[in-house]
Amino acid sequence: MILLVDYGIGNLRSVQKALEAAGGDVVVGSTPAAVAAAEKILLPGVGAFGDGMEGLHARGLVAPLQEAAQRGVPLLGICLGMQLLFEGSEEAPGVPGLGLLPGEVRRFPDGLRDDAGSRLKIPHTGWNQIWPQRDHPLLHGLVAGAYAYFNHAYYCAPANPADVLAETDYGLRYASVVGRGALLGVQFHPEKSQAVGLQILRKFVGL
């Protein structure tokens, strides 16, 4: 059973449909008991880091999620859900994240330009490429340079390079897939990324 965590942030229905299409047995839940019972956990999210952590605290989910990750329960964070895995974010100074991965979330700096010298818009919205950096079951079969759909103004900066599973270029090279064991995060939206997103969700379902 895959628990899709409802903490008041995110388009749960589209993620649920994508997980089910990938073969997952999905339950939507928002309680510590649901987290404790889950065989796998998906933490979705769109919006602000501070609001996300507030939603988790309000439902008493911070400690249960930390404990589940420490037990080795497969956990996948999507977009904001990936960012919440880290220690904190420039978007919400002084607000601790889940602290499951060392590092911070940073805002894309103004003035970024592409290879042709054109100014890049923030947030980073649209299709971009994923470049795997190391082997992991989540990325098995993924073609280097495959396209996924992104929508974010902040990016994750892991403190440990070994936690970077794939990178993406947007005026700078940043971690678009992170992981340590069964703890995983993707910055893009697999539920909006067509065949590539479905492939990655299938790998998560099969972990």
N, C-alpha and C. Protein backbone atom coordinates (compact mmCIF):
# COMPACT_ATOMS: atom_id res chain seq x y z
N MET A 1 0.83 -1.19 0.00
CA MET A 1 0.00 0.00 0.00
C MET A 1 0.87 1.25 0.00
N ILE A 2 0.56 2.16 -0.93
CA ILE A 2 1.29 3.42 -1.01
C ILE A 2 0.42 4.51 -0.39
N LEU A 3 0.95 5.18 0.60
CA LEU A 3 0.24 6.30 1.22
C LEU A 3 0.59 7.58 0.47
N LEU A 4 -0.43 8.23 -0.07
CA LEU A 4 -0.29 9.56 -0.66
C LEU A 4 -0.64 10.55 0.44
N VAL A 5 0.36 11.29 0.92
CA VAL A 5 0.18 12.14 2.11
C VAL A 5 -0.58 13.41 1.75
N ASP A 6 -1.69 13.62 2.45
CA ASP A 6 -2.48 14.83 2.29
C ASP A 6 -2.17 15.76 3.46
N TYR A 7 -1.41 16.81 3.19
CA TYR A 7 -1.09 17.78 4.24
C TYR A 7 -1.53 19.19 3.82
N GLY A 8 -2.53 19.23 2.94
CA GLY A 8 -3.13 20.50 2.55
C GLY A 8 -2.44 21.21 1.41
N ILE A 9 -1.39 20.59 0.82
CA ILE A 9 -0.63 21.21 -0.26
C ILE A 9 -0.51 20.22 -1.40
N GLY A 10 -0.99 20.57 -2.58
CA GLY A 10 -0.73 19.70 -3.73
C GLY A 10 -2.00 19.22 -4.40
N ASN A 11 -1.84 18.84 -5.66
CA ASN A 11 -2.93 18.30 -6.45
C ASN A 11 -2.94 16.79 -6.28
N LEU A 12 -3.65 16.32 -5.26
CA LEU A 12 -3.59 14.92 -4.91
C LEU A 12 -4.20 14.03 -5.98
N ARG A 13 -5.28 14.49 -6.60
CA ARG A 13 -6.00 13.64 -7.53
C ARG A 13 -5.14 13.25 -8.72
N SER A 14 -4.42 14.21 -9.30
CA SER A 14 -3.60 13.89 -10.47
C SER A 14 -2.45 12.95 -10.11
N VAL A 15 -1.87 13.13 -8.93
CA VAL A 15 -0.80 12.24 -8.49
C VAL A 15 -1.36 10.84 -8.22
N GLN A 16 -2.52 10.78 -7.58
CA GLN A 16 -3.14 9.49 -7.30
C GLN A 16 -3.42 8.73 -8.59
N LYS A 17 -3.98 9.42 -9.59
CA LYS A 17 -4.29 8.76 -10.86
C LYS A 17 -3.01 8.25 -11.54
N ALA A 18 -1.94 9.05 -11.48
CA ALA A 18 -0.69 8.63 -12.10
C ALA A 18 -0.10 7.41 -11.38
N LEU A 19 -0.16 7.40 -10.06
CA LEU A 19 0.35 6.26 -9.30
C LEU A 19 -0.45 5.00 -9.60
N GLU A 20 -1.77 5.15 -9.71
CA GLU A 20 -2.61 3.99 -10.02
C GLU A 20 -2.31 3.49 -11.43
N ALA A 21 -2.07 4.41 -12.36
CA ALA A 21 -1.71 4.01 -13.72
C ALA A 21 -0.38 3.27 -13.75
N ALA A 22 0.48 3.57 -12.78
CA ALA A 22 1.78 2.90 -12.67
C ALA A 22 1.69 1.58 -11.92
N GLY A 23 0.48 1.20 -11.51
CA GLY A 23 0.30 -0.09 -10.84
C GLY A 23 0.26 -0.02 -9.34
N GLY A 24 0.19 1.17 -8.76
CA GLY A 24 0.21 1.32 -7.32
C GLY A 24 -1.16 1.14 -6.68
N ASP A 25 -1.17 0.57 -5.49
CA ASP A 25 -2.38 0.49 -4.65
C ASP A 25 -2.30 1.69 -3.71
N VAL A 26 -3.10 2.73 -3.98
CA VAL A 26 -2.91 4.04 -3.36
C VAL A 26 -4.01 4.33 -2.34
N VAL A 27 -3.61 4.85 -1.20
CA VAL A 27 -4.53 5.34 -0.18
C VAL A 27 -4.12 6.76 0.15
N VAL A 28 -5.06 7.68 0.20
CA VAL A 28 -4.79 9.06 0.61
C VAL A 28 -5.02 9.15 2.11
N GLY A 29 -4.05 9.71 2.84
CA GLY A 29 -4.18 9.81 4.29
C GLY A 29 -3.45 10.99 4.85
N SER A 30 -3.82 11.37 6.07
CA SER A 30 -3.23 12.57 6.68
C SER A 30 -3.00 12.40 8.18
N THR A 31 -2.88 11.15 8.64
CA THR A 31 -2.73 10.90 10.07
C THR A 31 -1.42 10.17 10.36
N PRO A 32 -0.90 10.32 11.58
CA PRO A 32 0.28 9.54 11.97
C PRO A 32 0.07 8.04 11.83
N ALA A 33 -1.14 7.56 12.12
CA ALA A 33 -1.41 6.13 12.00
C ALA A 33 -1.29 5.67 10.55
N ALA A 34 -1.73 6.50 9.61
CA ALA A 34 -1.62 6.14 8.19
C ALA A 34 -0.16 6.05 7.77
N VAL A 35 0.66 6.97 8.26
CA VAL A 35 2.10 6.94 7.94
C VAL A 35 2.73 5.68 8.52
N ALA A 36 2.37 5.34 9.76
CA ALA A 36 2.96 4.18 10.42
C ALA A 36 2.60 2.88 9.71
N ALA A 37 1.41 2.84 9.07
CA ALA A 37 0.95 1.62 8.42
C ALA A 37 1.41 1.49 6.97
N ALA A 38 1.95 2.54 6.40
CA ALA A 38 2.25 2.56 4.98
C ALA A 38 3.43 1.66 4.62
N GLU A 39 3.31 0.98 3.48
CA GLU A 39 4.42 0.20 2.95
C GLU A 39 5.34 1.08 2.11
N LYS A 40 4.78 2.09 1.48
CA LYS A 40 5.52 3.12 0.76
C LYS A 40 4.80 4.43 0.99
N ILE A 41 5.54 5.54 0.86
CA ILE A 41 4.97 6.86 1.11
C ILE A 41 5.34 7.79 -0.03
N LEU A 42 4.34 8.52 -0.53
CA LEU A 42 4.61 9.57 -1.51
C LEU A 42 4.19 10.90 -0.91
N LEU A 43 5.14 11.84 -0.87
CA LEU A 43 4.92 13.17 -0.32
C LEU A 43 4.87 14.16 -1.48
N PRO A 44 3.67 14.57 -1.91
CA PRO A 44 3.56 15.50 -3.03
C PRO A 44 3.72 16.93 -2.55
N GLY A 45 3.40 17.89 -3.40
CA GLY A 45 3.40 19.26 -2.92
C GLY A 45 3.68 20.29 -3.98
N VAL A 46 2.90 21.36 -3.93
CA VAL A 46 3.17 22.57 -4.69
C VAL A 46 2.98 23.74 -3.72
N GLY A 47 3.70 24.82 -3.97
CA GLY A 47 3.55 25.97 -3.09
C GLY A 47 4.80 26.25 -2.28
N ALA A 48 4.61 26.87 -1.14
CA ALA A 48 5.71 27.42 -0.36
C ALA A 48 6.21 26.45 0.71
N PHE A 49 7.51 26.50 0.96
CA PHE A 49 8.15 25.63 1.94
C PHE A 49 7.55 25.81 3.33
N GLY A 50 7.39 27.05 3.76
CA GLY A 50 6.84 27.30 5.09
C GLY A 50 5.44 26.76 5.25
N ASP A 51 4.60 26.93 4.23
CA ASP A 51 3.24 26.41 4.29
C ASP A 51 3.24 24.88 4.34
N GLY A 52 4.17 24.27 3.60
CA GLY A 52 4.27 22.82 3.61
C GLY A 52 4.61 22.27 4.98
N MET A 53 5.62 22.87 5.62
CA MET A 53 5.99 22.40 6.96
C MET A 53 4.88 22.68 7.96
N GLU A 54 4.20 23.81 7.81
CA GLU A 54 3.08 24.11 8.71
C GLU A 54 1.99 23.04 8.58
N GLY A 55 1.71 22.63 7.33
CA GLY A 55 0.71 21.60 7.12
C GLY A 55 1.10 20.27 7.74
N LEU A 56 2.37 19.91 7.65
CA LEU A 56 2.84 18.66 8.27
C LEU A 56 2.76 18.74 9.79
N HIS A 57 3.19 19.85 10.35
CA HIS A 57 3.13 20.01 11.82
C HIS A 57 1.69 19.98 12.32
N ALA A 58 0.80 20.66 11.61
CA ALA A 58 -0.59 20.74 12.06
C ALA A 58 -1.25 19.36 12.13
N ARG A 59 -0.80 18.42 11.32
CA ARG A 59 -1.37 17.08 11.30
C ARG A 59 -0.53 16.08 12.09
N GLY A 60 0.51 16.55 12.74
CA GLY A 60 1.35 15.67 13.54
C GLY A 60 2.14 14.67 12.73
N LEU A 61 2.55 15.08 11.50
CA LEU A 61 3.17 14.14 10.58
C LEU A 61 4.69 14.21 10.53
N VAL A 62 5.30 15.21 11.16
CA VAL A 62 6.75 15.38 11.02
C VAL A 62 7.50 14.19 11.61
N ALA A 63 7.27 13.89 12.88
CA ALA A 63 7.98 12.77 13.52
C ALA A 63 7.64 11.44 12.86
N PRO A 64 6.37 11.14 12.53
CA PRO A 64 6.08 9.87 11.85
C PRO A 64 6.79 9.71 10.51
N LEU A 65 6.89 10.79 9.74
CA LEU A 65 7.61 10.70 8.46
C LEU A 65 9.10 10.47 8.70
N GLN A 66 9.67 11.16 9.68
CA GLN A 66 11.09 10.97 9.99
C GLN A 66 11.34 9.53 10.43
N GLU A 67 10.45 9.00 11.27
CA GLU A 67 10.62 7.63 11.76
C GLU A 67 10.47 6.62 10.63
N ALA A 68 9.51 6.85 9.72
CA ALA A 68 9.32 5.93 8.60
C ALA A 68 10.56 5.89 7.72
N ALA A 69 11.13 7.07 7.43
CA ALA A 69 12.34 7.12 6.62
C ALA A 69 13.50 6.41 7.31
N GLN A 70 13.61 6.57 8.62
CA GLN A 70 14.69 5.92 9.36
C GLN A 70 14.51 4.40 9.38
N ARG A 71 13.26 3.93 9.28
CA ARG A 71 13.00 2.48 9.23
C ARG A 71 13.28 1.92 7.85
N GLY A 72 13.49 2.78 6.87
CA GLY A 72 13.75 2.31 5.52
C GLY A 72 12.51 2.15 4.66
N VAL A 73 11.38 2.73 5.09
CA VAL A 73 10.17 2.69 4.27
C VAL A 73 10.43 3.53 3.01
N PRO A 74 10.21 3.00 1.81
CA PRO A 74 10.43 3.82 0.61
C PRO A 74 9.57 5.08 0.64
N LEU A 75 10.20 6.21 0.45
CA LEU A 75 9.52 7.52 0.53
C LEU A 75 9.98 8.36 -0.65
N LEU A 76 9.02 8.84 -1.43
CA LEU A 76 9.32 9.68 -2.59
C LEU A 76 8.67 11.04 -2.42
N GLY A 77 9.49 12.10 -2.45
CA GLY A 77 8.99 13.46 -2.42
C GLY A 77 8.95 14.04 -3.83
N ILE A 78 7.85 14.72 -4.17
CA ILE A 78 7.69 15.33 -5.49
C ILE A 78 7.64 16.84 -5.33
N CYS A 79 8.48 17.54 -6.10
CA CYS A 79 8.52 19.01 -6.14
C CYS A 79 8.72 19.57 -4.73
N LEU A 80 7.73 20.27 -4.16
CA LEU A 80 7.88 20.76 -2.79
C LEU A 80 8.13 19.61 -1.83
N GLY A 81 7.52 18.47 -2.09
CA GLY A 81 7.75 17.31 -1.23
C GLY A 81 9.21 16.90 -1.19
N MET A 82 9.92 17.03 -2.30
CA MET A 82 11.37 16.78 -2.31
C MET A 82 12.09 17.83 -1.48
N GLN A 83 11.72 19.09 -1.63
CA GLN A 83 12.40 20.16 -0.91
C GLN A 83 12.23 20.01 0.60
N LEU A 84 11.08 19.52 1.04
CA LEU A 84 10.82 19.36 2.47
C LEU A 84 11.72 18.29 3.10
N LEU A 85 12.32 17.42 2.29
CA LEU A 85 13.22 16.40 2.83
C LEU A 85 14.50 17.01 3.41
N PHE A 86 14.81 18.24 3.01
CA PHE A 86 16.09 18.86 3.40
C PHE A 86 15.97 19.64 4.71
N GLU A 87 17.07 20.25 5.10
CA GLU A 87 17.14 20.89 6.43
C GLU A 87 16.43 22.23 6.50
N GLY A 88 16.36 22.94 5.40
CA GLY A 88 15.71 24.24 5.40
C GLY A 88 15.73 24.85 4.03
N SER A 89 15.10 26.03 3.90
CA SER A 89 14.97 26.68 2.60
C SER A 89 15.12 28.19 2.74
N GLU A 90 15.74 28.79 1.73
CA GLU A 90 15.81 30.25 1.68
C GLU A 90 14.42 30.88 1.56
N GLU A 91 13.45 30.10 1.14
CA GLU A 91 12.09 30.61 1.01
C GLU A 91 11.45 30.87 2.37
N ALA A 92 11.90 30.14 3.39
CA ALA A 92 11.32 30.28 4.73
C ALA A 92 12.44 30.23 5.77
N PRO A 93 13.21 31.32 5.89
CA PRO A 93 14.32 31.32 6.84
C PRO A 93 13.87 31.01 8.26
N GLY A 94 14.61 30.14 8.92
CA GLY A 94 14.30 29.79 10.30
C GLY A 94 13.29 28.67 10.45
N VAL A 95 12.72 28.18 9.33
CA VAL A 95 11.76 27.07 9.39
C VAL A 95 12.49 25.77 9.07
N PRO A 96 12.65 24.87 10.04
CA PRO A 96 13.35 23.62 9.74
C PRO A 96 12.51 22.72 8.83
N GLY A 97 13.20 22.04 7.90
CA GLY A 97 12.54 21.02 7.10
C GLY A 97 12.55 19.70 7.85
N LEU A 98 12.26 18.62 7.15
CA LEU A 98 12.26 17.30 7.78
C LEU A 98 13.66 16.86 8.17
N GLY A 99 14.68 17.41 7.53
CA GLY A 99 16.06 17.10 7.89
C GLY A 99 16.47 15.67 7.59
N LEU A 100 15.84 15.05 6.62
CA LEU A 100 16.18 13.67 6.27
C LEU A 100 17.40 13.59 5.36
N LEU A 101 17.67 14.68 4.64
CA LEU A 101 18.87 14.79 3.81
C LEU A 101 19.58 16.08 4.17
N PRO A 102 20.91 16.06 4.31
CA PRO A 102 21.64 17.28 4.62
C PRO A 102 21.69 18.20 3.40
N GLY A 103 21.52 19.48 3.65
CA GLY A 103 21.55 20.44 2.57
C GLY A 103 20.41 21.43 2.71
N GLU A 104 20.35 22.37 1.78
CA GLU A 104 19.33 23.41 1.84
C GLU A 104 18.69 23.61 0.48
N VAL A 105 17.60 24.36 0.49
CA VAL A 105 16.88 24.71 -0.73
C VAL A 105 17.15 26.19 -1.02
N ARG A 106 17.59 26.48 -2.24
CA ARG A 106 18.00 27.84 -2.60
C ARG A 106 17.13 28.38 -3.73
N ARG A 107 17.02 29.70 -3.79
CA ARG A 107 16.28 30.33 -4.87
C ARG A 107 17.18 30.48 -6.09
N PHE A 108 16.62 30.24 -7.28
CA PHE A 108 17.37 30.53 -8.48
C PHE A 108 17.76 32.00 -8.48
N PRO A 109 19.03 32.32 -8.70
CA PRO A 109 19.43 33.73 -8.71
C PRO A 109 18.90 34.46 -9.93
N ASP A 110 18.68 35.76 -9.77
CA ASP A 110 18.27 36.58 -10.91
C ASP A 110 19.41 36.65 -11.92
N GLY A 111 19.07 36.81 -13.17
CA GLY A 111 20.07 37.00 -14.21
C GLY A 111 20.60 35.74 -14.83
N LEU A 112 19.99 34.59 -14.53
CA LEU A 112 20.42 33.35 -15.18
C LEU A 112 20.18 33.42 -16.68
N ARG A 113 21.10 32.84 -17.45
CA ARG A 113 20.97 32.85 -18.91
C ARG A 113 21.22 31.45 -19.46
N ASP A 114 20.60 31.17 -20.61
CA ASP A 114 20.82 29.89 -21.24
C ASP A 114 22.10 29.94 -22.08
N ASP A 115 22.40 28.84 -22.78
CA ASP A 115 23.64 28.76 -23.54
C ASP A 115 23.71 29.78 -24.67
N ALA A 116 22.54 30.23 -25.12
CA ALA A 116 22.51 31.24 -26.20
C ALA A 116 22.57 32.66 -25.67
N GLY A 117 22.61 32.80 -24.34
CA GLY A 117 22.71 34.12 -23.73
C GLY A 117 21.38 34.77 -23.40
N SER A 118 20.28 34.05 -23.66
CA SER A 118 18.96 34.61 -23.37
C SER A 118 18.66 34.51 -21.87
N ARG A 119 18.02 35.54 -21.35
CA ARG A 119 17.69 35.57 -19.94
C ARG A 119 16.62 34.53 -19.63
N LEU A 120 16.80 33.79 -18.55
CA LEU A 120 15.87 32.74 -18.16
C LEU A 120 14.85 33.27 -17.15
N LYS A 121 13.61 32.85 -17.31
CA LYS A 121 12.55 33.28 -16.41
C LYS A 121 12.53 32.44 -15.15
N ILE A 122 12.17 33.09 -14.05
CA ILE A 122 11.96 32.41 -12.78
C ILE A 122 10.52 32.67 -12.37
N PRO A 123 9.72 31.64 -12.06
CA PRO A 123 10.14 30.25 -11.86
C PRO A 123 10.50 29.52 -13.15
N HIS A 124 11.23 28.44 -12.95
CA HIS A 124 11.57 27.52 -14.03
C HIS A 124 10.32 26.69 -14.32
N THR A 125 9.67 26.97 -15.42
CA THR A 125 8.41 26.32 -15.76
C THR A 125 8.47 25.74 -17.16
N GLY A 126 8.18 24.45 -17.28
CA GLY A 126 8.15 23.81 -18.58
C GLY A 126 8.99 22.55 -18.62
N TRP A 127 9.27 22.09 -19.83
CA TRP A 127 9.99 20.83 -20.04
C TRP A 127 11.50 21.07 -20.01
N ASN A 128 12.20 20.17 -19.34
CA ASN A 128 13.66 20.24 -19.30
C ASN A 128 14.20 18.83 -19.15
N GLN A 129 15.52 18.71 -19.32
CA GLN A 129 16.14 17.39 -19.39
C GLN A 129 16.68 16.92 -18.05
N ILE A 130 16.70 15.60 -17.90
CA ILE A 130 17.22 14.94 -16.71
C ILE A 130 18.48 14.17 -17.10
N TRP A 131 19.55 14.42 -16.35
CA TRP A 131 20.83 13.77 -16.65
C TRP A 131 21.26 12.92 -15.45
N PRO A 132 21.05 11.59 -15.50
CA PRO A 132 21.44 10.73 -14.38
C PRO A 132 22.94 10.85 -14.07
N GLN A 133 23.25 10.85 -12.77
CA GLN A 133 24.63 10.98 -12.30
C GLN A 133 25.16 9.70 -11.65
N ARG A 134 24.26 8.85 -11.21
CA ARG A 134 24.68 7.59 -10.59
C ARG A 134 23.55 6.58 -10.71
N ASP A 135 23.88 5.34 -10.50
CA ASP A 135 22.90 4.26 -10.68
C ASP A 135 21.96 4.20 -9.48
N HIS A 136 20.68 4.03 -9.76
CA HIS A 136 19.68 3.80 -8.73
C HIS A 136 18.48 3.13 -9.39
N PRO A 137 17.81 2.19 -8.71
CA PRO A 137 16.66 1.52 -9.31
C PRO A 137 15.57 2.48 -9.80
N LEU A 138 15.42 3.64 -9.17
CA LEU A 138 14.39 4.59 -9.59
C LEU A 138 14.62 5.07 -11.02
N LEU A 139 15.89 5.08 -11.45
CA LEU A 139 16.25 5.63 -12.76
C LEU A 139 16.59 4.56 -13.78
N HIS A 140 16.44 3.30 -13.42
CA HIS A 140 16.77 2.23 -14.37
C HIS A 140 15.92 2.37 -15.62
N GLY A 141 16.56 2.33 -16.77
CA GLY A 141 15.87 2.44 -18.03
C GLY A 141 15.62 3.86 -18.50
N LEU A 142 15.95 4.84 -17.68
CA LEU A 142 15.75 6.23 -18.08
C LEU A 142 16.85 6.65 -19.05
N VAL A 143 16.45 7.16 -20.19
CA VAL A 143 17.41 7.62 -21.19
C VAL A 143 18.02 8.94 -20.73
N ALA A 144 19.33 9.06 -20.77
CA ALA A 144 19.98 10.32 -20.41
C ALA A 144 19.47 11.43 -21.30
N GLY A 145 19.08 12.54 -20.68
CA GLY A 145 18.53 13.66 -21.42
C GLY A 145 17.03 13.59 -21.63
N ALA A 146 16.37 12.62 -20.99
CA ALA A 146 14.91 12.52 -21.09
C ALA A 146 14.27 13.79 -20.52
N TYR A 147 13.12 14.16 -21.08
CA TYR A 147 12.44 15.39 -20.67
C TYR A 147 11.36 15.12 -19.63
N ALA A 148 11.28 16.03 -18.65
CA ALA A 148 10.23 16.00 -17.64
C ALA A 148 9.70 17.42 -17.45
N TYR A 149 8.56 17.54 -16.78
CA TYR A 149 7.91 18.84 -16.61
C TYR A 149 8.22 19.43 -15.23
N PHE A 150 8.74 20.67 -15.23
CA PHE A 150 9.15 21.36 -14.01
C PHE A 150 8.29 22.61 -13.78
N ASN A 151 8.18 22.99 -12.51
CA ASN A 151 7.55 24.26 -12.16
C ASN A 151 8.02 24.65 -10.76
N HIS A 152 9.11 25.44 -10.66
CA HIS A 152 9.66 25.77 -9.34
C HIS A 152 10.60 26.97 -9.44
N ALA A 153 10.67 27.72 -8.35
CA ALA A 153 11.57 28.87 -8.26
C ALA A 153 12.75 28.59 -7.34
N TYR A 154 12.70 27.48 -6.63
CA TYR A 154 13.76 27.08 -5.69
C TYR A 154 14.27 25.70 -6.07
N TYR A 155 15.54 25.45 -5.78
CA TYR A 155 16.14 24.16 -6.13
C TYR A 155 16.90 23.61 -4.92
N CYS A 156 17.06 22.30 -4.88
CA CYS A 156 17.74 21.65 -3.76
C CYS A 156 19.25 21.62 -3.99
N ALA A 157 19.98 21.91 -2.92
CA ALA A 157 21.44 21.87 -2.94
C ALA A 157 21.91 20.89 -1.86
N PRO A 158 21.99 19.59 -2.18
CA PRO A 158 22.42 18.60 -1.19
C PRO A 158 23.85 18.88 -0.71
N ALA A 159 24.08 18.67 0.58
CA ALA A 159 25.43 18.84 1.13
C ALA A 159 26.34 17.69 0.73
N ASN A 160 25.75 16.53 0.48
CA ASN A 160 26.53 15.35 0.12
C ASN A 160 26.34 15.05 -1.36
N PRO A 161 27.39 15.18 -2.17
CA PRO A 161 27.24 14.90 -3.62
C PRO A 161 26.72 13.50 -3.91
N ALA A 162 26.93 12.55 -3.01
CA ALA A 162 26.46 11.19 -3.25
C ALA A 162 24.94 11.10 -3.24
N ASP A 163 24.26 12.11 -2.69
CA ASP A 163 22.80 12.12 -2.66
C ASP A 163 22.19 12.62 -3.97
N VAL A 164 23.01 13.09 -4.89
CA VAL A 164 22.52 13.59 -6.18
C VAL A 164 22.43 12.44 -7.17
N LEU A 165 21.22 12.06 -7.56
CA LEU A 165 21.03 10.96 -8.50
C LEU A 165 20.94 11.45 -9.93
N ALA A 166 20.42 12.66 -10.14
CA ALA A 166 20.33 13.22 -11.49
C ALA A 166 20.35 14.74 -11.39
N GLU A 167 20.77 15.38 -12.47
CA GLU A 167 20.86 16.84 -12.51
C GLU A 167 20.11 17.38 -13.72
N THR A 168 19.82 18.68 -13.64
CA THR A 168 19.16 19.40 -14.72
C THR A 168 19.84 20.75 -14.86
N ASP A 169 19.92 21.27 -16.08
CA ASP A 169 20.52 22.58 -16.34
C ASP A 169 19.43 23.64 -16.51
N TYR A 170 19.56 24.71 -15.74
CA TYR A 170 18.70 25.88 -15.96
C TYR A 170 19.50 27.13 -15.56
N GLY A 171 20.45 27.44 -16.40
CA GLY A 171 21.38 28.53 -16.09
C GLY A 171 22.44 28.14 -15.09
N LEU A 172 22.18 27.09 -14.36
CA LEU A 172 23.13 26.42 -13.47
C LEU A 172 22.71 24.96 -13.40
N ARG A 173 23.60 24.14 -12.95
CA ARG A 173 23.32 22.70 -12.88
C ARG A 173 22.89 22.39 -11.44
N TYR A 174 21.73 21.78 -11.30
CA TYR A 174 21.23 21.52 -9.94
C TYR A 174 20.66 20.10 -9.86
N ALA A 175 20.45 19.65 -8.63
CA ALA A 175 19.95 18.30 -8.39
C ALA A 175 18.45 18.23 -8.67
N SER A 176 18.07 17.44 -9.68
CA SER A 176 16.66 17.27 -9.99
C SER A 176 16.10 15.93 -9.50
N VAL A 177 16.99 14.99 -9.14
CA VAL A 177 16.60 13.75 -8.47
C VAL A 177 17.62 13.51 -7.37
N VAL A 178 17.13 13.25 -6.16
CA VAL A 178 18.02 12.98 -5.03
C VAL A 178 17.62 11.65 -4.40
N GLY A 179 18.54 11.07 -3.68
CA GLY A 179 18.20 9.83 -3.01
C GLY A 179 19.31 9.31 -2.13
N ARG A 180 18.88 8.61 -1.10
CA ARG A 180 19.79 7.89 -0.21
C ARG A 180 19.04 6.64 0.22
N GLY A 181 19.43 5.50 -0.35
CA GLY A 181 18.68 4.28 -0.07
C GLY A 181 17.27 4.38 -0.62
N ALA A 182 16.28 4.17 0.25
CA ALA A 182 14.88 4.20 -0.15
C ALA A 182 14.26 5.59 0.00
N LEU A 183 15.04 6.57 0.42
CA LEU A 183 14.57 7.95 0.55
C LEU A 183 14.89 8.69 -0.74
N LEU A 184 13.84 9.17 -1.43
CA LEU A 184 14.01 9.69 -2.79
C LEU A 184 13.23 10.98 -2.99
N GLY A 185 13.69 11.78 -3.94
CA GLY A 185 12.96 13.00 -4.29
C GLY A 185 13.18 13.35 -5.74
N VAL A 186 12.13 13.86 -6.38
CA VAL A 186 12.23 14.37 -7.75
C VAL A 186 11.68 15.79 -7.78
N GLN A 187 12.42 16.70 -8.40
CA GLN A 187 11.99 18.09 -8.44
C GLN A 187 10.88 18.31 -9.47
N PHE A 188 10.88 17.52 -10.52
CA PHE A 188 9.86 17.65 -11.55
C PHE A 188 8.56 16.97 -11.11
N HIS A 189 7.52 17.12 -11.93
CA HIS A 189 6.22 16.51 -11.65
C HIS A 189 6.04 15.27 -12.52
N PRO A 190 6.24 14.07 -11.98
CA PRO A 190 6.06 12.88 -12.81
C PRO A 190 4.63 12.73 -13.32
N GLU A 191 3.66 13.22 -12.55
CA GLU A 191 2.26 13.10 -12.98
C GLU A 191 1.94 13.97 -14.17
N LYS A 192 2.85 14.91 -14.52
CA LYS A 192 2.68 15.77 -15.69
C LYS A 192 3.72 15.48 -16.77
N SER A 193 4.54 14.45 -16.55
CA SER A 193 5.69 14.19 -17.42
C SER A 193 5.49 13.02 -18.38
N GLN A 194 4.24 12.65 -18.61
CA GLN A 194 3.89 11.67 -19.62
C GLN A 194 4.66 10.36 -19.42
N ALA A 195 5.22 9.80 -20.49
CA ALA A 195 5.82 8.46 -20.41
C ALA A 195 6.99 8.41 -19.44
N VAL A 196 7.80 9.47 -19.39
CA VAL A 196 8.96 9.49 -18.49
C VAL A 196 8.51 9.48 -17.04
N GLY A 197 7.51 10.27 -16.73
CA GLY A 197 7.00 10.31 -15.36
C GLY A 197 6.39 8.99 -14.95
N LEU A 198 5.63 8.38 -15.86
CA LEU A 198 5.00 7.09 -15.56
C LEU A 198 6.05 6.02 -15.34
N GLN A 199 7.12 6.07 -16.12
CA GLN A 199 8.20 5.10 -15.96
C GLN A 199 8.83 5.22 -14.57
N ILE A 200 9.09 6.43 -14.11
CA ILE A 200 9.70 6.63 -12.81
C ILE A 200 8.75 6.20 -11.69
N LEU A 201 7.46 6.50 -11.83
CA LEU A 201 6.49 6.06 -10.82
C LEU A 201 6.41 4.53 -10.78
N ARG A 202 6.49 3.89 -11.93
CA ARG A 202 6.49 2.41 -11.95
C ARG A 202 7.69 1.87 -11.18
N LYS A 203 8.85 2.50 -11.34
CA LYS A 203 10.04 2.05 -10.61
C LYS A 203 9.84 2.21 -9.10
N PHE A 204 9.20 3.33 -8.71
CA PHE A 204 8.94 3.54 -7.28
C PHE A 204 7.95 2.48 -6.76
N VAL A 205 6.90 2.23 -7.52
CA VAL A 205 5.93 1.22 -7.11
C VAL A 205 6.61 -0.14 -6.94
N GLY A 206 7.60 -0.43 -7.77
CA GLY A 206 8.27 -1.71 -7.74
C GLY A 206 9.42 -1.83 -6.76
N LEU A 207 9.76 -0.77 -6.06
CA LEU A 207 10.88 -0.82 -5.12
C LEU A 207 10.63 -1.86 -4.02
